[in-house]
PDB file of N, CA and C in Angstrom:
ATOM      1  N   MET A   1      75.545 131.836 185.803  1.00  0.00           N
ATOM      2  CA  MET A   1      77.256 132.238 186.060  1.00  0.00           C
ATOM      3  C   MET A   1      78.193 131.973 186.810  1.00  0.00           C
ATOM      4  N   THR A   2      79.475 130.970 186.879  1.00  0.00           N
ATOM      5  CA  THR A   2      80.203 131.203 188.171  1.00  0.00           C
ATOM      6  C   THR A   2      81.317 131.655 188.287  1.00  0.00           C
ATOM      7  N   ASN A   3      81.679 131.908 188.990  1.00  0.00           N
ATOM      8  CA  ASN A   3      83.460 132.944 189.236  1.00  0.00           C
ATOM      9  C   ASN A   3      84.276 131.471 189.257  1.00  0.00           C
ATOM     10  N   LYS A   4      85.008 131.255 188.223  1.00  0.00           N
ATOM     11  CA  LYS A   4      86.027 130.908 188.695  1.00  0.00           C
ATOM     12  C   LYS A   4      86.772 131.980 189.712  1.00  0.00           C
ATOM     13  N   LYS A   5      88.190 130.746 190.310  1.00  0.00           N
ATOM     14  CA  LYS A   5      88.933 131.354 191.121  1.00  0.00           C
ATOM     15  C   LYS A   5      90.291 130.636 191.137  1.00  0.00           C
ATOM     16  N   TRP A   6      90.809 131.518 190.490  1.00  0.00           N
ATOM     17  CA  TRP A   6      92.584 131.395 190.088  1.00  0.00           C
ATOM     18  C   TRP A   6      93.317 130.844 191.687  1.00  0.00           C
ATOM     19  N   ALA A   7      94.013 130.081 191.706  1.00  0.00           N
ATOM     20  CA  ALA A   7      95.123 129.855 192.306  1.00  0.00           C
ATOM     21  C   ALA A   7      95.980 130.260 192.080  1.00  0.00           C
ATOM     22  N   VAL A   8      96.617 131.059 192.692  1.00  0.00           N
ATOM     23  CA  VAL A   8      97.555 132.057 192.478  1.00  0.00           C
ATOM     24  C   VAL A   8      98.936 131.628 192.939  1.00  0.00           C
ATOM     25  N   LYS A   9     100.117 131.607 192.283  1.00  0.00           N
ATOM     26  CA  LYS A   9     101.646 131.533 192.955  1.00  0.00           C
ATOM     27  C   LYS A   9     102.233 132.561 192.162  1.00  0.00           C
ATOM     28  N   ARG A  10     103.055 133.443 193.522  1.00  0.00           N
ATOM     29  CA  ARG A  10     103.794 135.000 192.505  1.00  0.00           C
ATOM     30  C   ARG A  10     105.408 133.428 192.573  1.00  0.00           C
ATOM     31  N   LEU A  11     106.034 134.190 191.581  1.00  0.00           N
ATOM     32  CA  LEU A  11     107.078 133.812 190.804  1.00  0.00           C
ATOM     33  C   LEU A  11     108.328 134.654 191.204  1.00  0.00           C
ATOM     34  N   THR A  12     109.452 134.484 191.550  1.00  0.00           N
ATOM     35  CA  THR A  12     110.323 136.061 190.987  1.00  0.00           C
ATOM     36  C   THR A  12     111.490 135.371 190.028  1.00  0.00           C
ATOM     37  N   ILE A  13     111.805 136.094 189.382  1.00  0.00           N
ATOM     38  CA  ILE A  13     112.816 135.230 187.628  1.00  0.00           C
ATOM     39  C   ILE A  13     114.084 136.051 187.809  1.00  0.00           C
ATOM     40  N   ASN A  14     114.816 136.196 187.881  1.00  0.00           N
ATOM     41  CA  ASN A  14     115.707 137.040 187.707  1.00  0.00           C
ATOM     42  C   ASN A  14     116.596 136.472 186.595  1.00  0.00           C
ATOM     43  N   LEU A  15     116.413 138.003 185.752  1.00  0.00           N
ATOM     44  CA  LEU A  15     116.753 137.949 184.504  1.00  0.00           C
ATOM     45  C   LEU A  15     118.277 138.558 183.944  1.00  0.00           C
ATOM     46  N   ALA A  16     118.994 138.150 183.160  1.00  0.00           N
ATOM     47  CA  ALA A  16     119.997 139.142 182.609  1.00  0.00           C
ATOM     48  C   ALA A  16     119.625 139.886 181.620  1.00  0.00           C
ATOM     49  N   SER A  17     120.667 140.911 181.570  1.00  0.00           N
ATOM     50  CA  SER A  17     120.348 142.318 181.347  1.00  0.00           C
ATOM     51  C   SER A  17     119.226 142.102 179.658  1.00  0.00           C
ATOM     52  N   GLN A  18     120.259 141.700 178.937  1.00  0.00           N
ATOM     53  CA  GLN A  18     119.776 140.927 177.344  1.00  0.00           C
ATOM     54  C   GLN A  18     118.218 140.695 177.637  1.00  0.00           C
ATOM     55  N   GLU A  19     118.086 139.645 178.570  1.00  0.00           N
ATOM     56  CA  GLU A  19     117.308 138.781 178.703  1.00  0.00           C
ATOM     57  C   GLU A  19     115.639 140.113 179.113  1.00  0.00           C
ATOM     58  N   ALA A  20     115.969 140.744 179.722  1.00  0.00           N
ATOM     59  CA  ALA A  20     115.574 142.010 180.128  1.00  0.00           C
ATOM     60  C   ALA A  20     114.851 142.807 179.298  1.00  0.00           C
ATOM     61  N   GLN A  21     115.846 143.442 178.025  1.00  0.00           N
ATOM     62  CA  GLN A  21     115.845 144.055 177.114  1.00  0.00           C
ATOM     63  C   GLN A  21     114.188 143.160 176.207  1.00  0.00           C
ATOM     64  N   THR A  22     114.873 142.042 176.060  1.00  0.00           N
ATOM     65  CA  THR A  22     114.267 141.732 175.004  1.00  0.00           C
ATOM     66  C   THR A  22     112.685 141.569 175.529  1.00  0.00           C
ATOM     67  N   LEU A  23     112.617 140.498 176.592  1.00  0.00           N
ATOM     68  CA  LEU A  23     111.346 141.098 176.529  1.00  0.00           C
ATOM     69  C   LEU A  23     110.057 142.192 177.215  1.00  0.00           C
ATOM     70  N   ASP A  24     111.149 143.471 177.353  1.00  0.00           N
ATOM     71  CA  ASP A  24     110.669 144.667 177.438  1.00  0.00           C
ATOM     72  C   ASP A  24     110.228 144.299 175.991  1.00  0.00           C
ATOM     73  N   ASN A  25     111.384 144.560 175.112  1.00  0.00           N
ATOM     74  CA  ASN A  25     111.197 144.939 173.289  1.00  0.00           C
ATOM     75  C   ASN A  25     109.773 144.421 172.500  1.00  0.00           C
ATOM     76  N   TYR A  26     109.989 143.296 172.923  1.00  0.00           N
ATOM     77  CA  TYR A  26     108.383 141.866 173.414  1.00  0.00           C
ATOM     78  C   TYR A  26     107.635 142.903 173.208  1.00  0.00           C
ATOM     79  N   CYS A  27     107.387 143.191 174.718  1.00  0.00           N
ATOM     80  CA  CYS A  27     106.245 143.613 175.370  1.00  0.00           C
ATOM     81  C   CYS A  27     105.573 144.790 174.518  1.00  0.00           C
ATOM     82  N   ASN A  28     106.488 146.061 174.218  1.00  0.00           N
ATOM     83  CA  ASN A  28     106.587 147.025 173.916  1.00  0.00           C
ATOM     84  C   ASN A  28     106.164 146.696 172.513  1.00  0.00           C
ATOM     85  N   THR A  29     106.116 145.713 171.848  1.00  0.00           N
ATOM     86  CA  THR A  29     106.178 145.473 170.081  1.00  0.00           C
ATOM     87  C   THR A  29     104.657 145.347 170.120  1.00  0.00           C
ATOM     88  N   THR A  30     104.196 144.303 171.028  1.00  0.00           N
ATOM     89  CA  THR A  30     102.906 143.542 171.092  1.00  0.00           C
ATOM     90  C   THR A  30     101.998 144.289 171.340  1.00  0.00           C
ATOM     91  N   GLY A  31     102.247 145.462 172.563  1.00  0.00           N
ATOM     92  CA  GLY A  31     101.684 145.909 173.867  1.00  0.00           C
ATOM     93  C   GLY A  31     100.806 144.935 174.536  1.00  0.00           C
ATOM     94  N   ARG A  32     101.486 143.503 174.881  1.00  0.00           N
ATOM     95  CA  ARG A  32     101.414 142.846 175.622  1.00  0.00           C
ATOM     96  C   ARG A  32     102.622 143.045 176.984  1.00  0.00           C
ATOM     97  N   PRO A  33     101.134 142.556 178.053  1.00  0.00           N
ATOM     98  CA  PRO A  33     102.050 142.634 179.366  1.00  0.00           C
ATOM     99  C   PRO A  33     102.744 141.495 179.514  1.00  0.00           C
ATOM    100  N   ALA A  34     104.274 141.393 180.465  1.00  0.00           N
ATOM    101  CA  ALA A  34     105.103 140.340 180.429  1.00  0.00           C
ATOM    102  C   ALA A  34     104.697 139.267 181.276  1.00  0.00           C
ATOM    103  N   THR A  35     103.708 139.657 181.907  1.00  0.00           N
ATOM    104  CA  THR A  35     103.101 138.369 182.682  1.00  0.00           C
ATOM    105  C   THR A  35     101.884 137.249 181.635  1.00  0.00           C
ATOM    106  N   ASP A  36     101.239 138.272 180.595  1.00  0.00           N
ATOM    107  CA  ASP A  36     100.655 137.427 179.262  1.00  0.00           C
ATOM    108  C   ASP A  36     101.794 136.624 179.089  1.00  0.00           C
ATOM    109  N   VAL A  37     102.494 137.060 178.030  1.00  0.00           N
ATOM    110  CA  VAL A  37     104.096 136.420 177.058  1.00  0.00           C
ATOM    111  C   VAL A  37     104.346 135.360 178.181  1.00  0.00           C
ATOM    112  N   ILE A  38     104.575 135.531 179.526  1.00  0.00           N
ATOM    113  CA  ILE A  38     105.424 134.289 180.016  1.00  0.00           C
ATOM    114  C   ILE A  38     104.524 133.069 180.430  1.00  0.00           C
ATOM    115  N   ARG A  39     103.186 133.734 180.775  1.00  0.00           N
ATOM    116  CA  ARG A  39     102.365 132.346 180.649  1.00  0.00           C
ATOM    117  C   ARG A  39     102.230 131.831 179.770  1.00  0.00           C
ATOM    118  N   GLU A  40     102.124 132.179 179.024  1.00  0.00           N
ATOM    119  CA  GLU A  40     101.833 131.446 177.172  1.00  0.00           C
ATOM    120  C   GLU A  40     103.045 130.758 176.889  1.00  0.00           C
ATOM    121  N   LEU A  41     104.294 130.779 177.293  1.00  0.00           N
ATOM    122  CA  LEU A  41     105.146 130.302 177.060  1.00  0.00           C
ATOM    123  C   LEU A  41     105.554 129.628 178.270  1.00  0.00           C
ATOM    124  N   ILE A  42     104.952 129.930 179.344  1.00  0.00           N
ATOM    125  CA  ILE A  42     104.620 127.917 180.028  1.00  0.00           C
ATOM    126  C   ILE A  42     103.850 126.908 179.398  1.00  0.00           C
ATOM    127  N   ARG A  43     102.778 127.575 178.934  1.00  0.00           N
ATOM    128  CA  ARG A  43     102.004 126.509 178.671  1.00  0.00           C
ATOM    129  C   ARG A  43     102.555 125.959 177.584  1.00  0.00           C
ATOM    130  N   LYS A  44     102.796 126.432 176.731  1.00  0.00           N
ATOM    131  CA  LYS A  44     103.679 126.094 175.320  1.00  0.00           C
ATOM    132  C   LYS A  44     104.428 125.053 176.012  1.00  0.00           C
ATOM    133  N   LEU A  45     105.878 125.116 176.767  1.00  0.00           N
ATOM    134  CA  LEU A  45     105.726 124.230 177.607  1.00  0.00           C
ATOM    135  C   LEU A  45     105.150 123.217 178.038  1.00  0.00           C
ATOM    136  N   GLY A  46     104.348 123.314 178.689  1.00  0.00           N
ATOM    137  CA  GLY A  46     103.406 121.728 179.094  1.00  0.00           C
ATOM    138  C   GLY A  46     102.630 121.279 177.656  1.00  0.00           C
ATOM    139  N   ALA A  47     102.477 121.555 176.578  1.00  0.00           N
ATOM    140  CA  ALA A  47     102.136 121.223 175.890  1.00  0.00           C
ATOM    141  C   ALA A  47     103.554 120.315 174.256  1.00  0.00           C
ATOM    142  N   ASN A  48     104.445 120.314 175.568  1.00  0.00           N
ATOM    143  CA  ASN A  48     105.706 119.606 175.130  1.00  0.00           C
ATOM    144  C   ASN A  48     105.906 118.973 175.590  1.00  0.00           C
ATOM    145  N   ILE A  49     105.480 118.500 176.987  1.00  0.00           N
ATOM    146  CA  ILE A  49     105.846 117.150 177.552  1.00  0.00           C
ATOM    147  C   ILE A  49     104.853 115.640 177.196  1.00  0.00           C
TER     148      ILE A  49
END
């Protein structure tokens, strides 16, 4: 079994208070971390290009 190393890029984003609250609410409801939610949304963007 081989270990895949991820190339990591740290990203800082600024969210309006309501956007941050929406993300927090979604994460609390689903039990998913914000990082996973944001990664999924970015992957969906790539599929639409």
